[in-house]
Amino acid sequence: MSTILNIETRVILLVVATVLTGLSAGLCFTWTNAVTTGIARLTDTAYLQAFQQMNRTIINPTFALVFFGPVLLIPFTTYKYSADPKLLILLASAAILYFVGVALVTMFGNVPLNEMLDKLDLSSISAEDAKAFRTQFEAKWNSLHLVRTITSAISLTLLVITCLVRENGANI
């Protein structure tokens, strides 16, 4: 095994994958628990404006690393631990959950909704049109996001269990 400062590369990968997944799960939880519930109290146009600006702001390199880093790191970490059947099951489950429940839901669910919202000219929208768009957007976006929140949290839990099992040699 290759090592860095006497730490196996696969351990570093596991830790980094766990941290990034934790940050992503925390981001999802915060949006579910505070952001979307907070902006839900706004008027229709203000809600759409706030959501539009948040969507435009969140697309940055730090977000990409945190949100999509686990898509690459968890499977690679799974490969590095593939000789241990119990860790393989935990890591493969975490990888599949994160990929399907976070990455795919984001790419094929939330992003298309965000793109529809981004194209909306809010400076000239009527109150009725704002209400209609919000009604179509909000429930669907929040439902998809809840899937991301739950699956990222489960994926994180599986990674933490992997860390504990690996460290302690515990049976599960």
N, C-alpha and C. Protein backbone atom coordinates (compact mmCIF):
# COMPACT_ATOMS: atom_id res chain seq x y z
N MET A 1 0.83 -1.19 0.00
CA MET A 1 0.00 0.00 0.00
C MET A 1 0.88 1.25 0.00
N SER A 2 0.47 2.24 -0.77
CA SER A 2 1.19 3.50 -0.74
C SER A 2 0.77 4.27 0.51
N THR A 3 1.70 5.05 1.01
CA THR A 3 1.42 5.79 2.24
C THR A 3 1.85 7.24 2.08
N ILE A 4 1.20 8.08 2.83
CA ILE A 4 1.56 9.48 2.96
C ILE A 4 1.65 9.75 4.45
N LEU A 5 2.86 10.10 4.90
CA LEU A 5 3.08 10.33 6.33
C LEU A 5 2.63 9.13 7.16
N ASN A 6 2.91 7.93 6.68
CA ASN A 6 2.54 6.68 7.35
C ASN A 6 1.04 6.44 7.44
N ILE A 7 0.28 7.13 6.60
CA ILE A 7 -1.16 6.88 6.53
C ILE A 7 -1.44 6.30 5.15
N GLU A 8 -2.12 5.18 5.11
CA GLU A 8 -2.44 4.55 3.83
C GLU A 8 -3.28 5.50 2.97
N THR A 9 -3.01 5.49 1.69
CA THR A 9 -3.75 6.33 0.75
C THR A 9 -5.24 6.04 0.83
N ARG A 10 -5.60 4.77 0.98
CA ARG A 10 -7.02 4.44 1.03
C ARG A 10 -7.70 5.00 2.28
N VAL A 11 -6.96 5.14 3.37
CA VAL A 11 -7.52 5.75 4.56
C VAL A 11 -7.77 7.23 4.32
N ILE A 12 -6.82 7.89 3.67
CA ILE A 12 -6.99 9.30 3.34
C ILE A 12 -8.20 9.47 2.42
N LEU A 13 -8.33 8.61 1.43
CA LEU A 13 -9.49 8.66 0.53
C LEU A 13 -10.79 8.49 1.30
N LEU A 14 -10.82 7.53 2.22
CA LEU A 14 -12.03 7.30 3.01
C LEU A 14 -12.37 8.53 3.85
N VAL A 15 -11.38 9.13 4.47
CA VAL A 15 -11.63 10.31 5.30
C VAL A 15 -12.12 11.47 4.45
N VAL A 16 -11.46 11.72 3.33
CA VAL A 16 -11.86 12.84 2.46
C VAL A 16 -13.26 12.59 1.89
N ALA A 17 -13.54 11.37 1.45
CA ALA A 17 -14.88 11.05 0.94
C ALA A 17 -15.93 11.26 2.03
N THR A 18 -15.61 10.88 3.24
CA THR A 18 -16.54 11.04 4.37
C THR A 18 -16.77 12.52 4.68
N VAL A 19 -15.70 13.30 4.71
CA VAL A 19 -15.82 14.73 5.00
C VAL A 19 -16.64 15.43 3.91
N LEU A 20 -16.32 15.16 2.65
CA LEU A 20 -17.07 15.81 1.56
C LEU A 20 -18.54 15.40 1.57
N THR A 21 -18.80 14.13 1.84
CA THR A 21 -20.19 13.67 1.93
C THR A 21 -20.88 14.33 3.11
N GLY A 22 -20.16 14.49 4.21
CA GLY A 22 -20.73 15.17 5.37
C GLY A 22 -21.07 16.62 5.08
N LEU A 23 -20.17 17.30 4.37
CA LEU A 23 -20.44 18.69 3.99
C LEU A 23 -21.65 18.77 3.06
N SER A 24 -21.73 17.85 2.13
CA SER A 24 -22.86 17.82 1.20
C SER A 24 -24.17 17.52 1.93
N ALA A 25 -24.13 16.54 2.82
CA ALA A 25 -25.33 16.22 3.61
C ALA A 25 -25.73 17.40 4.48
N GLY A 26 -24.75 18.08 5.03
CA GLY A 26 -25.04 19.28 5.84
C GLY A 26 -25.65 20.39 5.02
N LEU A 27 -25.14 20.57 3.81
CA LEU A 27 -25.71 21.55 2.90
C LEU A 27 -27.16 21.21 2.58
N CYS A 28 -27.39 19.95 2.24
CA CYS A 28 -28.76 19.52 1.94
C CYS A 28 -29.68 19.70 3.14
N PHE A 29 -29.21 19.29 4.32
CA PHE A 29 -30.01 19.44 5.53
C PHE A 29 -30.33 20.91 5.80
N THR A 30 -29.35 21.78 5.65
CA THR A 30 -29.56 23.20 5.91
C THR A 30 -30.58 23.78 4.94
N TRP A 31 -30.48 23.42 3.67
CA TRP A 31 -31.47 23.90 2.71
C TRP A 31 -32.86 23.40 3.09
N THR A 32 -32.97 22.12 3.44
CA THR A 32 -34.27 21.55 3.79
C THR A 32 -34.81 22.18 5.07
N ASN A 33 -33.96 22.33 6.05
CA ASN A 33 -34.38 22.76 7.38
C ASN A 33 -34.55 24.27 7.52
N ALA A 34 -33.76 25.06 6.80
CA ALA A 34 -33.78 26.50 7.03
C ALA A 34 -34.01 27.33 5.77
N VAL A 35 -33.28 27.04 4.71
CA VAL A 35 -33.34 27.91 3.54
C VAL A 35 -34.71 27.85 2.87
N THR A 36 -35.13 26.67 2.45
CA THR A 36 -36.40 26.58 1.73
C THR A 36 -37.59 26.90 2.65
N THR A 37 -37.48 26.55 3.91
CA THR A 37 -38.58 26.89 4.83
C THR A 37 -38.61 28.38 5.12
N GLY A 38 -37.45 29.02 5.12
CA GLY A 38 -37.40 30.47 5.33
C GLY A 38 -37.94 31.24 4.15
N ILE A 39 -37.47 30.89 2.94
CA ILE A 39 -37.94 31.65 1.77
C ILE A 39 -39.37 31.29 1.40
N ALA A 40 -39.88 30.18 1.93
CA ALA A 40 -41.28 29.82 1.68
C ALA A 40 -42.22 30.89 2.23
N ARG A 41 -41.76 31.67 3.17
CA ARG A 41 -42.57 32.72 3.79
C ARG A 41 -42.65 33.99 2.95
N LEU A 42 -41.85 34.05 1.88
CA LEU A 42 -41.83 35.24 1.03
C LEU A 42 -43.00 35.25 0.06
N THR A 43 -43.28 36.43 -0.48
CA THR A 43 -44.28 36.51 -1.54
C THR A 43 -43.79 35.70 -2.73
N ASP A 44 -44.67 35.42 -3.66
CA ASP A 44 -44.31 34.59 -4.81
C ASP A 44 -43.14 35.17 -5.60
N THR A 45 -43.20 36.43 -5.93
CA THR A 45 -42.12 37.06 -6.71
C THR A 45 -40.84 37.12 -5.90
N ALA A 46 -40.93 37.47 -4.64
CA ALA A 46 -39.73 37.53 -3.80
C ALA A 46 -39.12 36.14 -3.64
N TYR A 47 -39.96 35.13 -3.49
CA TYR A 47 -39.48 33.75 -3.40
C TYR A 47 -38.70 33.38 -4.66
N LEU A 48 -39.29 33.65 -5.81
CA LEU A 48 -38.64 33.31 -7.08
C LEU A 48 -37.35 34.10 -7.26
N GLN A 49 -37.34 35.37 -6.88
CA GLN A 49 -36.12 36.17 -6.97
C GLN A 49 -35.03 35.61 -6.07
N ALA A 50 -35.38 35.29 -4.84
CA ALA A 50 -34.40 34.76 -3.89
C ALA A 50 -33.84 33.43 -4.39
N PHE A 51 -34.72 32.56 -4.84
CA PHE A 51 -34.29 31.25 -5.32
C PHE A 51 -33.41 31.39 -6.56
N GLN A 52 -33.79 32.28 -7.44
CA GLN A 52 -33.00 32.52 -8.65
C GLN A 52 -31.59 32.98 -8.29
N GLN A 53 -31.49 33.91 -7.34
CA GLN A 53 -30.17 34.42 -6.95
C GLN A 53 -29.34 33.36 -6.22
N MET A 54 -29.98 32.58 -5.37
CA MET A 54 -29.23 31.52 -4.68
C MET A 54 -28.71 30.49 -5.68
N ASN A 55 -29.54 30.12 -6.66
CA ASN A 55 -29.10 29.16 -7.67
C ASN A 55 -27.92 29.69 -8.47
N ARG A 56 -27.93 30.97 -8.75
CA ARG A 56 -26.83 31.57 -9.51
C ARG A 56 -25.56 31.66 -8.68
N THR A 57 -25.71 31.87 -7.40
CA THR A 57 -24.56 32.05 -6.51
C THR A 57 -23.91 30.73 -6.13
N ILE A 58 -24.71 29.70 -5.97
CA ILE A 58 -24.17 28.43 -5.45
C ILE A 58 -23.28 27.71 -6.47
N ILE A 59 -23.44 28.02 -7.74
CA ILE A 59 -22.61 27.37 -8.76
C ILE A 59 -21.21 27.99 -8.73
N ASN A 60 -20.31 27.31 -8.04
CA ASN A 60 -18.93 27.78 -7.90
C ASN A 60 -18.04 26.56 -7.64
N PRO A 61 -16.72 26.72 -7.74
CA PRO A 61 -15.82 25.57 -7.59
C PRO A 61 -15.92 24.87 -6.23
N THR A 62 -16.11 25.62 -5.16
CA THR A 62 -16.21 25.00 -3.84
C THR A 62 -17.44 24.11 -3.76
N PHE A 63 -18.56 24.62 -4.24
CA PHE A 63 -19.78 23.82 -4.26
C PHE A 63 -19.58 22.57 -5.10
N ALA A 64 -18.99 22.72 -6.27
CA ALA A 64 -18.78 21.57 -7.16
C ALA A 64 -17.93 20.51 -6.47
N LEU A 65 -16.87 20.91 -5.79
CA LEU A 65 -16.01 19.97 -5.08
C LEU A 65 -16.78 19.23 -3.99
N VAL A 66 -17.51 19.96 -3.18
CA VAL A 66 -18.24 19.36 -2.06
C VAL A 66 -19.38 18.48 -2.55
N PHE A 67 -20.13 18.97 -3.52
CA PHE A 67 -21.33 18.27 -3.95
C PHE A 67 -21.04 17.09 -4.86
N PHE A 68 -20.05 17.24 -5.75
CA PHE A 68 -19.78 16.19 -6.72
C PHE A 68 -18.51 15.40 -6.42
N GLY A 69 -17.68 15.86 -5.49
CA GLY A 69 -16.50 15.10 -5.08
C GLY A 69 -16.82 13.68 -4.65
N PRO A 70 -17.85 13.49 -3.83
CA PRO A 70 -18.20 12.12 -3.41
C PRO A 70 -18.58 11.19 -4.57
N VAL A 71 -19.08 11.76 -5.67
CA VAL A 71 -19.44 10.93 -6.83
C VAL A 71 -18.22 10.16 -7.33
N LEU A 72 -17.05 10.79 -7.27
CA LEU A 72 -15.81 10.15 -7.71
C LEU A 72 -15.10 9.43 -6.56
N LEU A 73 -15.05 10.08 -5.41
CA LEU A 73 -14.25 9.55 -4.31
C LEU A 73 -14.84 8.30 -3.65
N ILE A 74 -16.15 8.25 -3.49
CA ILE A 74 -16.71 7.07 -2.83
C ILE A 74 -16.49 5.81 -3.67
N PRO A 75 -16.76 5.84 -4.99
CA PRO A 75 -16.47 4.62 -5.78
C PRO A 75 -14.97 4.27 -5.79
N PHE A 76 -14.11 5.27 -5.88
CA PHE A 76 -12.68 5.00 -5.87
C PHE A 76 -12.25 4.40 -4.54
N THR A 77 -12.80 4.92 -3.46
CA THR A 77 -12.53 4.38 -2.13
C THR A 77 -13.07 2.95 -2.03
N THR A 78 -14.23 2.72 -2.60
CA THR A 78 -14.81 1.38 -2.62
C THR A 78 -13.85 0.40 -3.29
N TYR A 79 -13.32 0.81 -4.41
CA TYR A 79 -12.34 -0.02 -5.12
C TYR A 79 -11.13 -0.32 -4.24
N LYS A 80 -10.64 0.69 -3.53
CA LYS A 80 -9.44 0.52 -2.70
C LYS A 80 -9.70 -0.44 -1.52
N TYR A 81 -10.95 -0.57 -1.10
CA TYR A 81 -11.30 -1.46 0.01
C TYR A 81 -12.01 -2.73 -0.47
N SER A 82 -11.96 -3.02 -1.76
CA SER A 82 -12.74 -4.12 -2.32
C SER A 82 -12.34 -5.50 -1.80
N ALA A 83 -11.17 -5.63 -1.21
CA ALA A 83 -10.74 -6.93 -0.67
C ALA A 83 -11.45 -7.29 0.63
N ASP A 84 -12.08 -6.32 1.28
CA ASP A 84 -12.78 -6.57 2.54
C ASP A 84 -14.29 -6.57 2.28
N PRO A 85 -14.93 -7.74 2.30
CA PRO A 85 -16.34 -7.83 1.92
C PRO A 85 -17.28 -6.93 2.72
N LYS A 86 -17.08 -6.83 4.03
CA LYS A 86 -18.00 -6.01 4.82
C LYS A 86 -17.83 -4.52 4.50
N LEU A 87 -16.60 -4.08 4.28
CA LEU A 87 -16.38 -2.68 3.91
C LEU A 87 -16.85 -2.42 2.49
N LEU A 88 -16.68 -3.41 1.63
CA LEU A 88 -17.12 -3.29 0.25
C LEU A 88 -18.63 -3.04 0.19
N ILE A 89 -19.38 -3.79 0.97
CA ILE A 89 -20.84 -3.62 0.98
C ILE A 89 -21.23 -2.24 1.48
N LEU A 90 -20.62 -1.80 2.56
CA LEU A 90 -20.92 -0.48 3.10
C LEU A 90 -20.58 0.63 2.10
N LEU A 91 -19.38 0.55 1.54
CA LEU A 91 -18.92 1.59 0.62
C LEU A 91 -19.70 1.57 -0.70
N ALA A 92 -19.96 0.40 -1.23
CA ALA A 92 -20.73 0.32 -2.47
C ALA A 92 -22.13 0.87 -2.26
N SER A 93 -22.73 0.57 -1.12
CA SER A 93 -24.06 1.09 -0.80
C SER A 93 -24.02 2.62 -0.71
N ALA A 94 -23.02 3.15 -0.03
CA ALA A 94 -22.88 4.61 0.08
C ALA A 94 -22.69 5.24 -1.29
N ALA A 95 -21.88 4.61 -2.13
CA ALA A 95 -21.61 5.14 -3.47
C ALA A 95 -22.88 5.15 -4.33
N ILE A 96 -23.62 4.05 -4.30
CA ILE A 96 -24.84 3.96 -5.10
C ILE A 96 -25.88 4.96 -4.63
N LEU A 97 -26.07 5.02 -3.31
CA LEU A 97 -27.04 5.97 -2.76
C LEU A 97 -26.69 7.41 -3.13
N TYR A 98 -25.42 7.77 -2.98
CA TYR A 98 -25.03 9.14 -3.27
C TYR A 98 -25.18 9.44 -4.77
N PHE A 99 -24.74 8.50 -5.60
CA PHE A 99 -24.80 8.73 -7.04
C PHE A 99 -26.25 8.86 -7.51
N VAL A 100 -27.10 7.92 -7.10
CA VAL A 100 -28.49 7.92 -7.56
C VAL A 100 -29.29 9.02 -6.86
N GLY A 101 -29.21 9.06 -5.53
CA GLY A 101 -30.07 9.94 -4.75
C GLY A 101 -29.64 11.38 -4.67
N VAL A 102 -28.36 11.64 -4.93
CA VAL A 102 -27.88 13.03 -4.89
C VAL A 102 -27.51 13.50 -6.30
N ALA A 103 -26.55 12.84 -6.93
CA ALA A 103 -26.06 13.32 -8.23
C ALA A 103 -27.12 13.23 -9.32
N LEU A 104 -27.73 12.05 -9.50
CA LEU A 104 -28.72 11.90 -10.57
C LEU A 104 -29.97 12.73 -10.31
N VAL A 105 -30.43 12.76 -9.07
CA VAL A 105 -31.61 13.58 -8.74
C VAL A 105 -31.30 15.05 -9.02
N THR A 106 -30.09 15.47 -8.69
CA THR A 106 -29.70 16.86 -8.96
C THR A 106 -29.68 17.13 -10.46
N MET A 107 -28.97 16.28 -11.20
CA MET A 107 -28.79 16.53 -12.64
C MET A 107 -30.09 16.44 -13.43
N PHE A 108 -30.95 15.47 -13.08
CA PHE A 108 -32.14 15.24 -13.87
C PHE A 108 -33.43 15.74 -13.22
N GLY A 109 -33.34 16.25 -12.01
CA GLY A 109 -34.51 16.77 -11.32
C GLY A 109 -34.39 18.24 -10.97
N ASN A 110 -33.51 18.54 -10.03
CA ASN A 110 -33.40 19.91 -9.55
C ASN A 110 -32.80 20.87 -10.58
N VAL A 111 -31.75 20.45 -11.30
CA VAL A 111 -31.11 21.35 -12.26
C VAL A 111 -32.08 21.79 -13.37
N PRO A 112 -32.85 20.88 -13.98
CA PRO A 112 -33.81 21.36 -14.98
C PRO A 112 -34.82 22.37 -14.41
N LEU A 113 -35.25 22.15 -13.19
CA LEU A 113 -36.14 23.12 -12.55
C LEU A 113 -35.42 24.46 -12.34
N ASN A 114 -34.17 24.40 -11.88
CA ASN A 114 -33.38 25.62 -11.68
C ASN A 114 -33.20 26.37 -13.00
N GLU A 115 -32.97 25.62 -14.07
CA GLU A 115 -32.79 26.25 -15.39
C GLU A 115 -34.08 26.91 -15.87
N MET A 116 -35.22 26.28 -15.62
CA MET A 116 -36.51 26.90 -15.96
C MET A 116 -36.68 28.20 -15.19
N LEU A 117 -36.34 28.18 -13.92
CA LEU A 117 -36.45 29.38 -13.10
C LEU A 117 -35.49 30.46 -13.58
N ASP A 118 -34.28 30.07 -13.94
CA ASP A 118 -33.29 31.05 -14.37
C ASP A 118 -33.72 31.79 -15.63
N LYS A 119 -34.46 31.13 -16.50
CA LYS A 119 -34.91 31.75 -17.75
C LYS A 119 -36.09 32.70 -17.54
N LEU A 120 -36.68 32.65 -16.37
CA LEU A 120 -37.86 33.46 -16.07
C LEU A 120 -37.44 34.92 -15.85
N ASP A 121 -38.05 35.82 -16.60
CA ASP A 121 -37.78 37.26 -16.42
C ASP A 121 -38.69 37.78 -15.32
N LEU A 122 -38.13 37.90 -14.15
CA LEU A 122 -38.94 38.28 -12.98
C LEU A 122 -39.24 39.77 -12.93
N SER A 123 -38.57 40.56 -13.74
CA SER A 123 -38.81 42.01 -13.73
C SER A 123 -40.14 42.36 -14.39
N SER A 124 -40.66 41.46 -15.20
CA SER A 124 -41.91 41.78 -15.91
C SER A 124 -43.01 40.74 -15.68
N ILE A 125 -42.84 39.91 -14.69
CA ILE A 125 -43.82 38.84 -14.45
C ILE A 125 -45.01 39.38 -13.66
N SER A 126 -46.19 38.91 -14.02
CA SER A 126 -47.39 39.30 -13.28
C SER A 126 -47.47 38.49 -11.99
N ALA A 127 -48.26 38.99 -11.07
CA ALA A 127 -48.44 38.28 -9.79
C ALA A 127 -49.07 36.91 -10.03
N GLU A 128 -49.99 36.81 -10.96
CA GLU A 128 -50.64 35.54 -11.26
C GLU A 128 -49.65 34.54 -11.86
N ASP A 129 -48.80 35.02 -12.79
CA ASP A 129 -47.79 34.15 -13.40
C ASP A 129 -46.74 33.71 -12.38
N ALA A 130 -46.37 34.61 -11.48
CA ALA A 130 -45.40 34.27 -10.43
C ALA A 130 -45.98 33.18 -9.53
N LYS A 131 -47.24 33.33 -9.18
CA LYS A 131 -47.89 32.33 -8.33
C LYS A 131 -47.97 30.98 -9.05
N ALA A 132 -48.34 30.99 -10.31
CA ALA A 132 -48.46 29.75 -11.08
C ALA A 132 -47.10 29.07 -11.22
N PHE A 133 -46.06 29.83 -11.52
CA PHE A 133 -44.74 29.23 -11.66
C PHE A 133 -44.26 28.68 -10.33
N ARG A 134 -44.44 29.46 -9.27
CA ARG A 134 -44.00 29.00 -7.95
C ARG A 134 -44.72 27.71 -7.57
N THR A 135 -46.02 27.65 -7.81
CA THR A 135 -46.79 26.45 -7.48
C THR A 135 -46.24 25.24 -8.22
N GLN A 136 -45.90 25.42 -9.48
CA GLN A 136 -45.34 24.33 -10.29
C GLN A 136 -43.93 23.97 -9.84
N PHE A 137 -43.15 24.93 -9.41
CA PHE A 137 -41.73 24.76 -9.09
C PHE A 137 -41.48 24.26 -7.67
N GLU A 138 -42.07 24.92 -6.70
CA GLU A 138 -41.70 24.74 -5.28
C GLU A 138 -41.90 23.32 -4.76
N ALA A 139 -43.07 22.77 -4.93
CA ALA A 139 -43.35 21.43 -4.37
C ALA A 139 -42.45 20.38 -5.02
N LYS A 140 -42.29 20.46 -6.33
CA LYS A 140 -41.47 19.47 -7.03
C LYS A 140 -40.01 19.61 -6.62
N TRP A 141 -39.50 20.84 -6.57
CA TRP A 141 -38.10 21.06 -6.19
C TRP A 141 -37.86 20.57 -4.77
N ASN A 142 -38.74 20.91 -3.85
CA ASN A 142 -38.57 20.50 -2.45
C ASN A 142 -38.65 18.98 -2.29
N SER A 143 -39.53 18.32 -3.03
CA SER A 143 -39.62 16.86 -2.97
C SER A 143 -38.33 16.21 -3.45
N LEU A 144 -37.82 16.69 -4.57
CA LEU A 144 -36.56 16.16 -5.09
C LEU A 144 -35.42 16.43 -4.11
N HIS A 145 -35.43 17.60 -3.54
CA HIS A 145 -34.36 17.95 -2.60
C HIS A 145 -34.43 17.10 -1.33
N LEU A 146 -35.62 16.76 -0.90
CA LEU A 146 -35.75 15.88 0.26
C LEU A 146 -35.10 14.53 -0.01
N VAL A 147 -35.24 14.03 -1.23
CA VAL A 147 -34.56 12.79 -1.61
C VAL A 147 -33.05 12.97 -1.46
N ARG A 148 -32.52 14.10 -1.92
CA ARG A 148 -31.08 14.35 -1.80
C ARG A 148 -30.67 14.44 -0.34
N THR A 149 -31.48 15.07 0.47
CA THR A 149 -31.15 15.21 1.89
C THR A 149 -31.09 13.84 2.58
N ILE A 150 -32.08 13.04 2.34
CA ILE A 150 -32.14 11.72 2.98
C ILE A 150 -31.02 10.82 2.48
N THR A 151 -30.82 10.76 1.17
CA THR A 151 -29.80 9.84 0.64
C THR A 151 -28.39 10.30 0.98
N SER A 152 -28.15 11.60 1.03
CA SER A 152 -26.81 12.06 1.42
C SER A 152 -26.56 11.74 2.90
N ALA A 153 -27.58 11.87 3.73
CA ALA A 153 -27.42 11.54 5.15
C ALA A 153 -27.18 10.04 5.35
N ILE A 154 -27.89 9.21 4.62
CA ILE A 154 -27.67 7.77 4.73
C ILE A 154 -26.29 7.40 4.21
N SER A 155 -25.90 7.99 3.10
CA SER A 155 -24.56 7.74 2.55
C SER A 155 -23.49 8.13 3.56
N LEU A 156 -23.65 9.28 4.18
CA LEU A 156 -22.70 9.72 5.22
C LEU A 156 -22.67 8.72 6.37
N THR A 157 -23.81 8.28 6.81
CA THR A 157 -23.88 7.31 7.91
C THR A 157 -23.13 6.02 7.56
N LEU A 158 -23.31 5.54 6.34
CA LEU A 158 -22.60 4.34 5.90
C LEU A 158 -21.09 4.57 5.87
N LEU A 159 -20.66 5.75 5.46
CA LEU A 159 -19.22 6.06 5.45
C LEU A 159 -18.66 6.13 6.87
N VAL A 160 -19.41 6.73 7.78
CA VAL A 160 -18.96 6.79 9.18
C VAL A 160 -18.87 5.39 9.76
N ILE A 161 -19.86 4.56 9.48
CA ILE A 161 -19.82 3.17 9.94
C ILE A 161 -18.60 2.48 9.36
N THR A 162 -18.31 2.73 8.09
CA THR A 162 -17.12 2.15 7.47
C THR A 162 -15.86 2.56 8.21
N CYS A 163 -15.77 3.83 8.55
CA CYS A 163 -14.60 4.32 9.31
C CYS A 163 -14.47 3.59 10.63
N LEU A 164 -15.59 3.43 11.33
CA LEU A 164 -15.57 2.77 12.64
C LEU A 164 -15.24 1.29 12.51
N VAL A 165 -15.84 0.62 11.56
CA VAL A 165 -15.58 -0.80 11.36
C VAL A 165 -14.13 -1.01 10.96
N ARG A 166 -13.63 -0.18 10.07
CA ARG A 166 -12.25 -0.28 9.60
C ARG A 166 -11.28 -0.04 10.75
N GLU A 167 -11.55 0.95 11.54
CA GLU A 167 -10.66 1.32 12.65
C GLU A 167 -10.66 0.28 13.75
N ASN A 168 -11.82 -0.22 14.08
CA ASN A 168 -11.96 -1.13 15.22
C ASN A 168 -11.92 -2.59 14.81
N GLY A 169 -12.00 -2.85 13.53
CA GLY A 169 -12.08 -4.24 13.08
C GLY A 169 -13.36 -4.89 13.58
N ALA A 170 -14.37 -4.06 13.85
CA ALA A 170 -15.60 -4.57 14.45
C ALA A 170 -16.39 -5.39 13.44
N ASN A 171 -17.21 -6.26 13.96
CA ASN A 171 -18.13 -7.01 13.11
C ASN A 171 -19.43 -6.25 13.04
N ILE A 172 -20.06 -6.33 11.88
CA ILE A 172 -21.36 -5.67 11.74
C ILE A 172 -22.42 -6.67 11.37
